[in-house]
C-alpha atoms as a PDB file:
ATOM      1  CA  MET A   1      48.273  -1.295  13.806  1.00  0.00           C
ATOM      2  CA  THR A   2      46.992   2.185  14.708  1.00  0.00           C
ATOM      3  CA  ARG A   3      43.354   2.782  15.523  1.00  0.00           C
ATOM      4  CA  ARG A   4      42.209   5.971  13.806  1.00  0.00           C
ATOM      5  CA  THR A   5      39.067   8.010  14.515  1.00  0.00           C
ATOM      6  CA  ILE A   6      37.879  11.318  13.059  1.00  0.00           C
ATOM      7  CA  LEU A   7      35.623  13.303  15.367  1.00  0.00           C
ATOM      8  CA  MET A   8      33.023  15.745  14.055  1.00  0.00           C
ATOM      9  CA  TYR A   9      31.969  18.941  15.797  1.00  0.00           C
ATOM     10  CA  HIS A  10      29.955  21.920  14.579  1.00  0.00           C
ATOM     11  CA  ARG A  11      29.671  24.590  17.272  1.00  0.00           C
ATOM     12  CA  ILE A  12      31.380  25.296  20.598  1.00  0.00           C
ATOM     13  CA  ALA A  13      28.770  27.343  22.408  1.00  0.00           C
ATOM     14  CA  VAL A  14      26.164  27.413  25.139  1.00  0.00           C
ATOM     15  CA  ASP A  15      22.942  28.026  23.233  1.00  0.00           C
ATOM     16  CA  PRO A  16      19.586  27.527  24.967  1.00  0.00           C
ATOM     17  CA  GLU A  17      18.051  26.921  21.555  1.00  0.00           C
ATOM     18  CA  ASP A  18      19.994  24.066  19.975  1.00  0.00           C
ATOM     19  CA  PRO A  19      17.367  22.035  18.085  1.00  0.00           C
ATOM     20  CA  TYR A  20      19.887  20.077  16.023  1.00  0.00           C
ATOM     21  CA  SER A  21      22.134  19.250  19.020  1.00  0.00           C
ATOM     22  CA  LEU A  22      25.144  20.842  17.328  1.00  0.00           C
ATOM     23  CA  CYS A  23      26.509  22.712  20.359  1.00  0.00           C
ATOM     24  CA  VAL A  24      29.177  21.569  22.790  1.00  0.00           C
ATOM     25  CA  SER A  25      29.884  23.928  25.674  1.00  0.00           C
ATOM     26  CA  PRO A  26      33.455  25.289  25.946  1.00  0.00           C
ATOM     27  CA  ASP A  27      33.903  23.583  29.318  1.00  0.00           C
ATOM     28  CA  HIS A  28      32.737  20.226  28.011  1.00  0.00           C
ATOM     29  CA  PHE A  29      34.879  20.685  24.899  1.00  0.00           C
ATOM     30  CA  GLU A  30      38.001  21.139  27.012  1.00  0.00           C
ATOM     31  CA  ASP A  31      37.054  18.184  29.217  1.00  0.00           C
ATOM     32  CA  GLN A  32      36.481  16.029  26.129  1.00  0.00           C
ATOM     33  CA  LEU A  33      39.861  16.899  24.637  1.00  0.00           C
ATOM     34  CA  ARG A  34      41.647  16.183  27.896  1.00  0.00           C
ATOM     35  CA  THR A  35      39.838  12.836  28.131  1.00  0.00           C
ATOM     36  CA  ILE A  36      40.747  11.953  24.551  1.00  0.00           C
ATOM     37  CA  SER A  37      44.392  12.881  25.160  1.00  0.00           C
ATOM     38  CA  GLU A  38      44.603  10.427  28.073  1.00  0.00           C
ATOM     39  CA  THR A  39      44.151   7.429  25.776  1.00  0.00           C
ATOM     40  CA  ALA A  40      44.881   8.680  22.257  1.00  0.00           C
ATOM     41  CA  GLU A  41      47.092  11.063  20.314  1.00  0.00           C
ATOM     42  CA  VAL A  42      45.232  14.016  18.806  1.00  0.00           C
ATOM     43  CA  VAL A  43      46.756  14.551  15.365  1.00  0.00           C
ATOM     44  CA  GLY A  44      46.105  16.572  12.243  1.00  0.00           C
ATOM     45  CA  LEU A  45      44.069  15.062   9.446  1.00  0.00           C
ATOM     46  CA  ASP A  46      47.098  14.795   7.148  1.00  0.00           C
ATOM     47  CA  ARG A  47      48.913  12.593   9.630  1.00  0.00           C
ATOM     48  CA  LEU A  48      45.889  10.481  10.518  1.00  0.00           C
ATOM     49  CA  VAL A  49      45.169   9.473   6.921  1.00  0.00           C
ATOM     50  CA  THR A  50      48.761   8.485   6.122  1.00  0.00           C
ATOM     51  CA  GLY A  51      48.569   4.905   4.872  1.00  0.00           C
ATOM     52  CA  VAL A  52      44.790   4.863   4.357  1.00  0.00           C
ATOM     53  CA  ASP A  53      43.833   3.162   1.099  1.00  0.00           C
ATOM     54  CA  ARG A  54      47.455   2.263   0.424  1.00  0.00           C
ATOM     55  CA  ARG A  55      47.667  -1.201   2.055  1.00  0.00           C
ATOM     56  CA  VAL A  56      51.134  -0.356   3.422  1.00  0.00           C
ATOM     57  CA  TRP A  57      51.504  -1.287   7.053  1.00  0.00           C
ATOM     58  CA  GLY A  58      54.382  -1.989   9.400  1.00  0.00           C
ATOM     59  CA  PHE A  59      54.873  -5.344  11.086  1.00  0.00           C
ATOM     60  CA  GLY A  60      56.912  -6.411  14.095  1.00  0.00           C
ATOM     61  CA  SER A  61      59.665  -8.969  14.119  1.00  0.00           C
ATOM     62  CA  HIS A  62      57.194 -11.828  14.670  1.00  0.00           C
ATOM     63  CA  GLY A  63      54.947 -10.881  11.772  1.00  0.00           C
ATOM     64  CA  HIS A  64      52.263  -9.218  13.907  1.00  0.00           C
ATOM     65  CA  ALA A  65      50.912  -5.769  13.113  1.00  0.00           C
ATOM     66  CA  ARG A  66      52.483  -3.205  15.430  1.00  0.00           C
ATOM     67  CA  ARG A  67      49.920  -1.706  17.827  1.00  0.00           C
ATOM     68  CA  THR A  68      50.579   1.977  18.424  1.00  0.00           C
ATOM     69  CA  ARG A  69      48.713   4.637  20.371  1.00  0.00           C
ATOM     70  CA  PRO A  70      45.292   5.413  18.837  1.00  0.00           C
ATOM     71  CA  GLN A  71      45.049   8.557  16.746  1.00  0.00           C
ATOM     72  CA  VAL A  72      42.144  11.008  16.798  1.00  0.00           C
ATOM     73  CA  ALA A  73      41.556  13.962  14.471  1.00  0.00           C
ATOM     74  CA  VAL A  74      39.225  16.807  15.447  1.00  0.00           C
ATOM     75  CA  THR A  75      37.117  18.331  12.663  1.00  0.00           C
ATOM     76  CA  PHE A  76      34.466  21.052  12.483  1.00  0.00           C
ATOM     77  CA  ASP A  77      31.795  21.488   9.823  1.00  0.00           C
ATOM     78  CA  ASP A  78      30.268  24.675   8.394  1.00  0.00           C
ATOM     79  CA  GLY A  79      32.575  27.452   9.648  1.00  0.00           C
ATOM     80  CA  TYR A  80      30.605  28.898  12.538  1.00  0.00           C
ATOM     81  CA  ALA A  81      32.223  31.938  14.190  1.00  0.00           C
ATOM     82  CA  ASP A  82      32.546  30.145  17.522  1.00  0.00           C
ATOM     83  CA  ASN A  83      35.086  27.812  15.913  1.00  0.00           C
ATOM     84  CA  LEU A  84      37.428  30.815  16.125  1.00  0.00           C
ATOM     85  CA  LEU A  85      36.069  32.504  19.222  1.00  0.00           C
ATOM     86  CA  ALA A  86      35.544  29.472  21.484  1.00  0.00           C
ATOM     87  CA  ALA A  87      37.139  26.339  19.998  1.00  0.00           C
ATOM     88  CA  LEU A  88      40.518  27.735  18.968  1.00  0.00           C
ATOM     89  CA  PRO A  89      41.466  29.115  22.418  1.00  0.00           C
ATOM     90  CA  VAL A  90      40.868  25.691  23.974  1.00  0.00           C
ATOM     91  CA  LEU A  91      42.841  23.868  21.296  1.00  0.00           C
ATOM     92  CA  GLU A  92      45.707  26.354  21.468  1.00  0.00           C
ATOM     93  CA  ALA A  93      45.858  26.054  25.258  1.00  0.00           C
ATOM     94  CA  LEU A  94      46.184  22.292  24.896  1.00  0.00           C
ATOM     95  CA  GLY A  95      48.374  22.423  21.776  1.00  0.00           C
ATOM     96  CA  LEU A  96      46.007  20.264  19.717  1.00  0.00           C
ATOM     97  CA  PRO A  97      45.210  20.543  15.978  1.00  0.00           C
ATOM     98  CA  MET A  98      41.866  20.789  14.214  1.00  0.00           C
ATOM     99  CA  THR A  99      40.403  20.895  10.705  1.00  0.00           C
ATOM    100  CA  VAL A 100      37.558  23.279   9.848  1.00  0.00           C
ATOM    101  CA  TYR A 101      35.439  22.707   6.727  1.00  0.00           C
ATOM    102  CA  VAL A 102      34.045  25.955   5.305  1.00  0.00           C
ATOM    103  CA  ALA A 103      31.217  26.638   2.841  1.00  0.00           C
ATOM    104  CA  THR A 104      32.633  29.712   1.102  1.00  0.00           C
ATOM    105  CA  GLY A 105      29.303  31.169   0.021  1.00  0.00           C
ATOM    106  CA  ARG A 106      28.280  31.746   3.643  1.00  0.00           C
ATOM    107  CA  LEU A 107      31.358  33.753   4.658  1.00  0.00           C
ATOM    108  CA  ASP A 108      30.459  37.352   5.630  1.00  0.00           C
ATOM    109  CA  SER A 109      26.771  36.408   5.599  1.00  0.00           C
ATOM    110  CA  THR A 110      24.433  37.865   8.216  1.00  0.00           C
ATOM    111  CA  THR A 111      21.701  35.393   7.264  1.00  0.00           C
ATOM    112  CA  GLY A 112      23.773  32.317   8.113  1.00  0.00           C
ATOM    113  CA  TYR A 113      22.559  28.852   7.198  1.00  0.00           C
ATOM    114  CA  TRP A 114      18.987  28.208   6.155  1.00  0.00           C
ATOM    115  CA  TRP A 115      18.425  25.512   8.775  1.00  0.00           C
ATOM    116  CA  ASP A 116      19.233  27.936  11.581  1.00  0.00           C
ATOM    117  CA  ARG A 117      16.739  30.468  10.199  1.00  0.00           C
ATOM    118  CA  LEU A 118      14.134  27.708   9.850  1.00  0.00           C
ATOM    119  CA  ALA A 119      14.599  26.768  13.499  1.00  0.00           C
ATOM    120  CA  LEU A 120      14.131  30.383  14.571  1.00  0.00           C
ATOM    121  CA  LEU A 121      10.977  30.721  12.464  1.00  0.00           C
ATOM    122  CA  LEU A 122       9.429  27.782  14.316  1.00  0.00           C
ATOM    123  CA  GLN A 123      10.929  28.388  17.751  1.00  0.00           C
ATOM    124  CA  GLY A 124       8.432  28.252  20.603  1.00  0.00           C
ATOM    125  CA  ARG A 125       5.356  27.696  18.429  1.00  0.00           C
ATOM    126  CA  ARG A 126       2.666  25.430  19.815  1.00  0.00           C
ATOM    127  CA  GLU A 127       0.660  25.590  16.594  1.00  0.00           C
ATOM    128  CA  VAL A 128       2.105  25.292  13.091  1.00  0.00           C
ATOM    129  CA  GLU A 129      -0.131  25.507  10.021  1.00  0.00           C
ATOM    130  CA  LEU A 130       1.728  25.555   6.705  1.00  0.00           C
ATOM    131  CA  ASP A 131       0.998  24.770   3.074  1.00  0.00           C
ATOM    132  CA  VAL A 132       4.244  25.087   1.144  1.00  0.00           C
ATOM    133  CA  ASP A 133       5.152  24.294  -2.451  1.00  0.00           C
ATOM    134  CA  LEU A 134       8.571  22.639  -2.432  1.00  0.00           C
ATOM    135  CA  ALA A 135       9.809  22.634  -6.016  1.00  0.00           C
ATOM    136  CA  GLY A 136       6.447  21.472  -7.344  1.00  0.00           C
ATOM    137  CA  ARG A 137       5.556  19.161  -4.465  1.00  0.00           C
ATOM    138  CA  GLU A 138       3.117  20.343  -1.829  1.00  0.00           C
ATOM    139  CA  LEU A 139       3.887  19.903   1.853  1.00  0.00           C
ATOM    140  CA  ARG A 140       1.127  20.526   4.354  1.00  0.00           C
ATOM    141  CA  VAL A 141       1.927  20.798   8.046  1.00  0.00           C
ATOM    142  CA  SER A 142      -0.801  20.954  10.690  1.00  0.00           C
ATOM    143  CA  LEU A 143       0.506  20.468  14.213  1.00  0.00           C
ATOM    144  CA  GLN A 144      -0.533  21.538  17.696  1.00  0.00           C
ATOM    145  CA  GLY A 145       0.929  21.090  21.155  1.00  0.00           C
ATOM    146  CA  GLU A 146       4.280  21.507  22.863  1.00  0.00           C
ATOM    147  CA  ARG A 147       6.020  19.305  20.272  1.00  0.00           C
ATOM    148  CA  ALA A 148       4.574  21.160  17.284  1.00  0.00           C
ATOM    149  CA  ALA A 149       7.687  23.226  16.536  1.00  0.00           C
ATOM    150  CA  ALA A 150      10.084  20.279  16.889  1.00  0.00           C
ATOM    151  CA  MET A 151       7.976  18.003  14.690  1.00  0.00           C
ATOM    152  CA  ALA A 152       7.523  20.701  12.043  1.00  0.00           C
ATOM    153  CA  LEU A 153      11.274  21.339  12.043  1.00  0.00           C
ATOM    154  CA  VAL A 154      12.021  17.691  11.319  1.00  0.00           C
ATOM    155  CA  ALA A 155       9.427  17.492   8.547  1.00  0.00           C
ATOM    156  CA  LEU A 156      10.595  20.667   6.838  1.00  0.00           C
ATOM    157  CA  HIS A 157      14.338  20.099   7.206  1.00  0.00           C
ATOM    158  CA  THR A 158      14.019  16.570   5.820  1.00  0.00           C
ATOM    159  CA  ARG A 159      12.360  17.881   2.655  1.00  0.00           C
ATOM    160  CA  LEU A 160      14.154  21.198   2.221  1.00  0.00           C
ATOM    161  CA  ARG A 161      17.685  19.820   2.213  1.00  0.00           C
ATOM    162  CA  PHE A 162      17.074  18.023  -1.092  1.00  0.00           C
ATOM    163  CA  LEU A 163      16.240  21.283  -2.884  1.00  0.00           C
ATOM    164  CA  ALA A 164      18.527  23.707  -4.656  1.00  0.00           C
ATOM    165  CA  VAL A 165      19.667  26.608  -2.503  1.00  0.00           C
ATOM    166  CA  ALA A 166      17.512  29.121  -4.415  1.00  0.00           C
ATOM    167  CA  GLU A 167      14.455  26.899  -3.964  1.00  0.00           C
ATOM    168  CA  ILE A 168      15.130  26.638  -0.225  1.00  0.00           C
ATOM    169  CA  GLU A 169      15.252  30.420   0.060  1.00  0.00           C
ATOM    170  CA  VAL A 170      11.906  30.744  -1.750  1.00  0.00           C
ATOM    171  CA  ALA A 171      10.356  28.143   0.548  1.00  0.00           C
ATOM    172  CA  LEU A 172      11.682  29.910   3.677  1.00  0.00           C
ATOM    173  CA  ALA A 173      10.165  33.194   2.509  1.00  0.00           C
ATOM    174  CA  VAL A 174       6.800  31.475   2.053  1.00  0.00           C
ATOM    175  CA  ILE A 175       7.053  29.861   5.496  1.00  0.00           C
ATOM    176  CA  ALA A 176       7.856  33.216   7.111  1.00  0.00           C
ATOM    177  CA  GLU A 177       4.899  34.818   5.340  1.00  0.00           C
ATOM    178  CA  GLN A 178       2.494  32.076   6.387  1.00  0.00           C
ATOM    179  CA  LEU A 179       3.730  32.330   9.971  1.00  0.00           C
ATOM    180  CA  SER A 180       3.282  36.141   9.808  1.00  0.00           C
ATOM    181  CA  THR A 181       6.824  36.875  10.899  1.00  0.00           C
ATOM    182  CA  ALA A 182       9.947  38.523   9.515  1.00  0.00           C
ATOM    183  CA  MET A 183      12.899  36.414   8.438  1.00  0.00           C
ATOM    184  CA  PRO A 184      15.203  36.141  11.485  1.00  0.00           C
ATOM    185  CA  GLU A 185      18.981  36.432  11.515  1.00  0.00           C
ATOM    186  CA  PRO A 186      20.666  33.641  13.507  1.00  0.00           C
ATOM    187  CA  SER A 187      23.062  35.880  15.445  1.00  0.00           C
ATOM    188  CA  ARG A 188      24.009  33.164  17.958  1.00  0.00           C
ATOM    189  CA  ALA A 189      24.767  30.771  15.092  1.00  0.00           C
ATOM    190  CA  ARG A 190      26.803  33.301  13.133  1.00  0.00           C
ATOM    191  CA  VAL A 191      29.137  32.164  10.349  1.00  0.00           C
ATOM    192  CA  MET A 192      32.680  33.512  10.182  1.00  0.00           C
ATOM    193  CA  THR A 193      33.629  36.537   8.146  1.00  0.00           C
ATOM    194  CA  ARG A 194      36.511  36.301   5.703  1.00  0.00           C
ATOM    195  CA  ASP A 195      38.732  38.223   8.097  1.00  0.00           C
ATOM    196  CA  GLU A 196      37.832  35.837  10.911  1.00  0.00           C
ATOM    197  CA  LEU A 197      38.640  32.875   8.688  1.00  0.00           C
ATOM    198  CA  ARG A 198      42.056  34.365   7.926  1.00  0.00           C
ATOM    199  CA  THR A 199      42.645  34.791  11.659  1.00  0.00           C
ATOM    200  CA  LEU A 200      41.632  31.186  12.325  1.00  0.00           C
ATOM    201  CA  ALA A 201      43.774  29.854   9.493  1.00  0.00           C
ATOM    202  CA  ALA A 202      46.798  31.794  10.777  1.00  0.00           C
ATOM    203  CA  SER A 203      47.089  29.371  13.693  1.00  0.00           C
ATOM    204  CA  PRO A 204      49.631  26.622  12.946  1.00  0.00           C
ATOM    205  CA  LEU A 205      47.217  24.185  14.606  1.00  0.00           C
ATOM    206  CA  VAL A 206      44.429  24.806  12.073  1.00  0.00           C
ATOM    207  CA  THR A 207      43.808  23.164   8.703  1.00  0.00           C
ATOM    208  CA  ILE A 208      41.053  24.625   6.522  1.00  0.00           C
ATOM    209  CA  GLY A 209      39.013  22.316   4.304  1.00  0.00           C
ATOM    210  CA  ALA A 210      36.302  22.944   1.710  1.00  0.00           C
ATOM    211  CA  HIS A 211      32.577  22.259   2.148  1.00  0.00           C
ATOM    212  CA  THR A 212      31.203  23.370  -1.267  1.00  0.00           C
ATOM    213  CA  VAL A 213      30.073  26.941  -1.950  1.00  0.00           C
ATOM    214  CA  ASP A 214      26.530  26.895  -0.517  1.00  0.00           C
ATOM    215  CA  HIS A 215      26.375  23.638   1.473  1.00  0.00           C
ATOM    216  CA  VAL A 216      24.353  21.974  -1.250  1.00  0.00           C
ATOM    217  CA  LEU A 217      23.268  18.343  -1.114  1.00  0.00           C
ATOM    218  CA  LEU A 218      25.286  16.672  -3.883  1.00  0.00           C
ATOM    219  CA  ALA A 219      23.592  13.314  -4.522  1.00  0.00           C
ATOM    220  CA  GLY A 220      21.921  13.064  -7.900  1.00  0.00           C
ATOM    221  CA  GLN A 221      23.559  16.146  -9.383  1.00  0.00           C
ATOM    222  CA  PRO A 222      25.619  15.772 -12.577  1.00  0.00           C
ATOM    223  CA  VAL A 223      29.297  15.161 -11.949  1.00  0.00           C
ATOM    224  CA  ALA A 224      30.211  18.431 -13.688  1.00  0.00           C
ATOM    225  CA  GLU A 225      28.035  20.432 -11.271  1.00  0.00           C
ATOM    226  CA  GLN A 226      29.446  18.613  -8.270  1.00  0.00           C
ATOM    227  CA  ILE A 227      32.991  19.257  -9.433  1.00  0.00           C
ATOM    228  CA  GLU A 228      32.157  22.915 -10.040  1.00  0.00           C
ATOM    229  CA  THR A 229      30.994  23.623  -6.474  1.00  0.00           C
ATOM    230  CA  MET A 230      33.834  21.591  -4.967  1.00  0.00           C
ATOM    231  CA  ALA A 231      36.531  23.125  -7.150  1.00  0.00           C
ATOM    232  CA  HIS A 232      35.135  26.646  -6.769  1.00  0.00           C
ATOM    233  CA  SER A 233      35.144  26.459  -2.978  1.00  0.00           C
ATOM    234  CA  LYS A 234      38.654  24.993  -3.044  1.00  0.00           C
ATOM    235  CA  ALA A 235      39.957  27.737  -5.344  1.00  0.00           C
ATOM    236  CA  GLU A 236      38.268  30.506  -3.350  1.00  0.00           C
ATOM    237  CA  LEU A 237      39.744  29.275  -0.078  1.00  0.00           C
ATOM    238  CA  GLU A 238      43.199  28.897  -1.614  1.00  0.00           C
ATOM    239  CA  SER A 239      43.022  32.452  -2.949  1.00  0.00           C
ATOM    240  CA  LEU A 240      41.759  33.811   0.372  1.00  0.00           C
ATOM    241  CA  LEU A 241      44.314  31.984   2.523  1.00  0.00           C
ATOM    242  CA  ASN A 242      47.217  31.699   0.077  1.00  0.00           C
ATOM    243  CA  ARG A 243      47.749  28.014   0.809  1.00  0.00           C
ATOM    244  CA  PRO A 244      46.663  24.647  -0.647  1.00  0.00           C
ATOM    245  CA  VAL A 245      43.308  23.257   0.472  1.00  0.00           C
ATOM    246  CA  ARG A 246      43.541  19.473   0.386  1.00  0.00           C
ATOM    247  CA  HIS A 247      40.547  18.246   2.385  1.00  0.00           C
ATOM    248  CA  PHE A 248      36.800  18.219   1.734  1.00  0.00           C
ATOM    249  CA  ALA A 249      33.646  17.298   3.662  1.00  0.00           C
ATOM    250  CA  TYR A 250      30.374  16.338   1.974  1.00  0.00           C
ATOM    251  CA  PRO A 251      27.514  18.634   3.077  1.00  0.00           C
ATOM    252  CA  PHE A 252      25.162  16.695   5.373  1.00  0.00           C
ATOM    253  CA  GLY A 253      27.423  13.706   4.712  1.00  0.00           C
ATOM    254  CA  ASP A 254      24.943  10.858   5.220  1.00  0.00           C
ATOM    255  CA  ALA A 255      24.177   8.073   2.761  1.00  0.00           C
ATOM    256  CA  GLU A 256      21.458  10.117   1.033  1.00  0.00           C
ATOM    257  CA  SER A 257      23.554  13.240   0.565  1.00  0.00           C
ATOM    258  CA  PHE A 258      26.389  12.031  -1.662  1.00  0.00           C
ATOM    259  CA  ASP A 259      26.863   9.278  -4.224  1.00  0.00           C
ATOM    260  CA  SER A 260      29.581   7.578  -6.263  1.00  0.00           C
ATOM    261  CA  ALA A 261      29.696  10.617  -8.550  1.00  0.00           C
ATOM    262  CA  SER A 262      30.420  12.783  -5.502  1.00  0.00           C
ATOM    263  CA  VAL A 263      33.325  10.562  -4.490  1.00  0.00           C
ATOM    264  CA  GLU A 264      34.752  10.772  -8.004  1.00  0.00           C
ATOM    265  CA  ALA A 265      34.207  14.541  -8.057  1.00  0.00           C
ATOM    266  CA  ALA A 266      36.114  14.960  -4.794  1.00  0.00           C
ATOM    267  CA  ARG A 267      39.012  12.930  -6.150  1.00  0.00           C
ATOM    268  CA  SER A 268      39.125  14.682  -9.515  1.00  0.00           C
ATOM    269  CA  SER A 269      38.838  18.116  -7.869  1.00  0.00           C
ATOM    270  CA  GLY A 270      42.241  17.532  -6.316  1.00  0.00           C
ATOM    271  CA  PHE A 271      41.340  16.788  -2.711  1.00  0.00           C
ATOM    272  CA  ASP A 272      43.506  14.340  -0.774  1.00  0.00           C
ATOM    273  CA  THR A 273      40.559  13.263   1.401  1.00  0.00           C
ATOM    274  CA  ALA A 274      36.807  13.660   1.741  1.00  0.00           C
ATOM    275  CA  THR A 275      34.902  12.991   4.959  1.00  0.00           C
ATOM    276  CA  THR A 276      31.323  11.876   5.506  1.00  0.00           C
ATOM    277  CA  THR A 277      29.043  11.830   8.543  1.00  0.00           C
ATOM    278  CA  LEU A 278      28.761   8.051   8.331  1.00  0.00           C
ATOM    279  CA  ALA A 279      29.795   6.572  11.656  1.00  0.00           C
ATOM    280  CA  GLY A 280      32.869   4.397  11.917  1.00  0.00           C
ATOM    281  CA  ARG A 281      36.576   4.166  12.546  1.00  0.00           C
ATOM    282  CA  VAL A 282      39.126   4.842   9.821  1.00  0.00           C
ATOM    283  CA  THR A 283      40.924   1.691   8.669  1.00  0.00           C
ATOM    284  CA  ARG A 284      43.414   0.829   5.961  1.00  0.00           C
ATOM    285  CA  TYR A 285      40.523  -0.362   3.808  1.00  0.00           C
ATOM    286  CA  ASN A 286      38.759   3.009   3.658  1.00  0.00           C
ATOM    287  CA  ASN A 287      38.515   4.958   0.455  1.00  0.00           C
ATOM    288  CA  ARG A 288      40.270   8.257   1.233  1.00  0.00           C
ATOM    289  CA  TRP A 289      37.387  10.143  -0.392  1.00  0.00           C
ATOM    290  CA  GLN A 290      34.754   8.449   1.758  1.00  0.00           C
ATOM    291  CA  LEU A 291      36.096   8.594   5.304  1.00  0.00           C
ATOM    292  CA  PRO A 292      33.780   7.980   8.297  1.00  0.00           C
ATOM    293  CA  ARG A 293      33.535  10.217  11.342  1.00  0.00           C
ATOM    294  CA  ARG A 294      32.066  10.138  14.831  1.00  0.00           C
ATOM    295  CA  MET A 295      29.645  12.903  15.839  1.00  0.00           C
ATOM    296  CA  VAL A 296      30.340  14.414  19.256  1.00  0.00           C
ATOM    297  CA  HIS A 297      27.598  15.956  21.396  1.00  0.00           C
ATOM    298  CA  ASP A 298      27.607  18.018  24.600  1.00  0.00           C
ATOM    299  CA  TRP A 299      29.015  15.231  26.743  1.00  0.00           C
ATOM    300  CA  SER A 300      30.816  15.371  30.058  1.00  0.00           C
ATOM    301  CA  ALA A 301      34.293  13.862  30.447  1.00  0.00           C
ATOM    302  CA  ASP A 302      32.807  10.604  31.748  1.00  0.00           C
ATOM    303  CA  GLU A 303      30.337  10.403  28.861  1.00  0.00           C
ATOM    304  CA  MET A 304      33.151  11.083  26.402  1.00  0.00           C
ATOM    305  CA  ALA A 305      35.221   8.295  27.954  1.00  0.00           C
ATOM    306  CA  ARG A 306      32.320   5.869  27.579  1.00  0.00           C
ATOM    307  CA  HIS A 307      31.914   6.737  23.915  1.00  0.00           C
ATOM    308  CA  LEU A 308      35.628   6.375  23.257  1.00  0.00           C
ATOM    309  CA  TRP A 309      35.484   2.917  24.797  1.00  0.00           C
ATOM    310  CA  ALA A 310      32.387   1.988  22.764  1.00  0.00           C
ATOM    311  CA  TRP A 311      34.096   3.201  19.586  1.00  0.00           C
ATOM    312  CA  ARG A 312      37.209   1.189  20.498  1.00  0.00           C
ATOM    313  CA  THR A 313      39.175   4.410  20.198  1.00  0.00           C
ATOM    314  CA  GLY A 314      41.085   4.002  23.435  1.00  0.00           C
END
């Protein structure tokens, strides 16, 4: 029996402002991959999910499940430019594959993702006074002290992510106005351009997956609307890259961000798999449209080894 684990990354960068802990430095990234390769085989997502949800497994001559080398797949969410500029060179040097999930509506954008702009709006503030209407529900924030910005970020992000994209943009404009500042552009957290995505996808080590159009939280939306954003992002990527797009990742990916309708929408949209951010190892009992992953942070080689052991990956 093969132990299978899907790892989740977002950015490969050294960023002094990383409020969501999404960054892994290039040096640590290389050290992590070398550590993983010592105990497991890094494989593409297609190979890792072979046999999942099919109940077909090999057995040895004495009726015991054959134990093979663990398999690990490396995935990236959101399509940040450093996936091309920093992650790909490391993976190509080591000859290891990766899957990158892309929200097509953000490609070529100079404004990036709303959560990165929100973090910049609050960055360094020791006093935050806000009174914001969030789709008809008032949120008041009154915080002082060195933790004011961090606490305000958590409160706002938690509420904003449940709104429609247009409503989030309205709320951000109000926040910027109340903070008496212009809307920032997250240049360090830049999203890929279409040309950069084509360059990334040209590597034989890279698989591109869909991540909806605008990284919208899916739970509670009608199935037709969920299918529309999934299918549209899939079709746009296939047109852009001239290849099938078979894999999908739920935006945010936690238990509150997708539902049974989302799982059905992913299946009916023609995806072979869909990944979550729910922690766990992939087993033969997993639904292929609800696969767990393990989030990786900016860990040293030793820290990575400890997590692999704790996850029973090695």
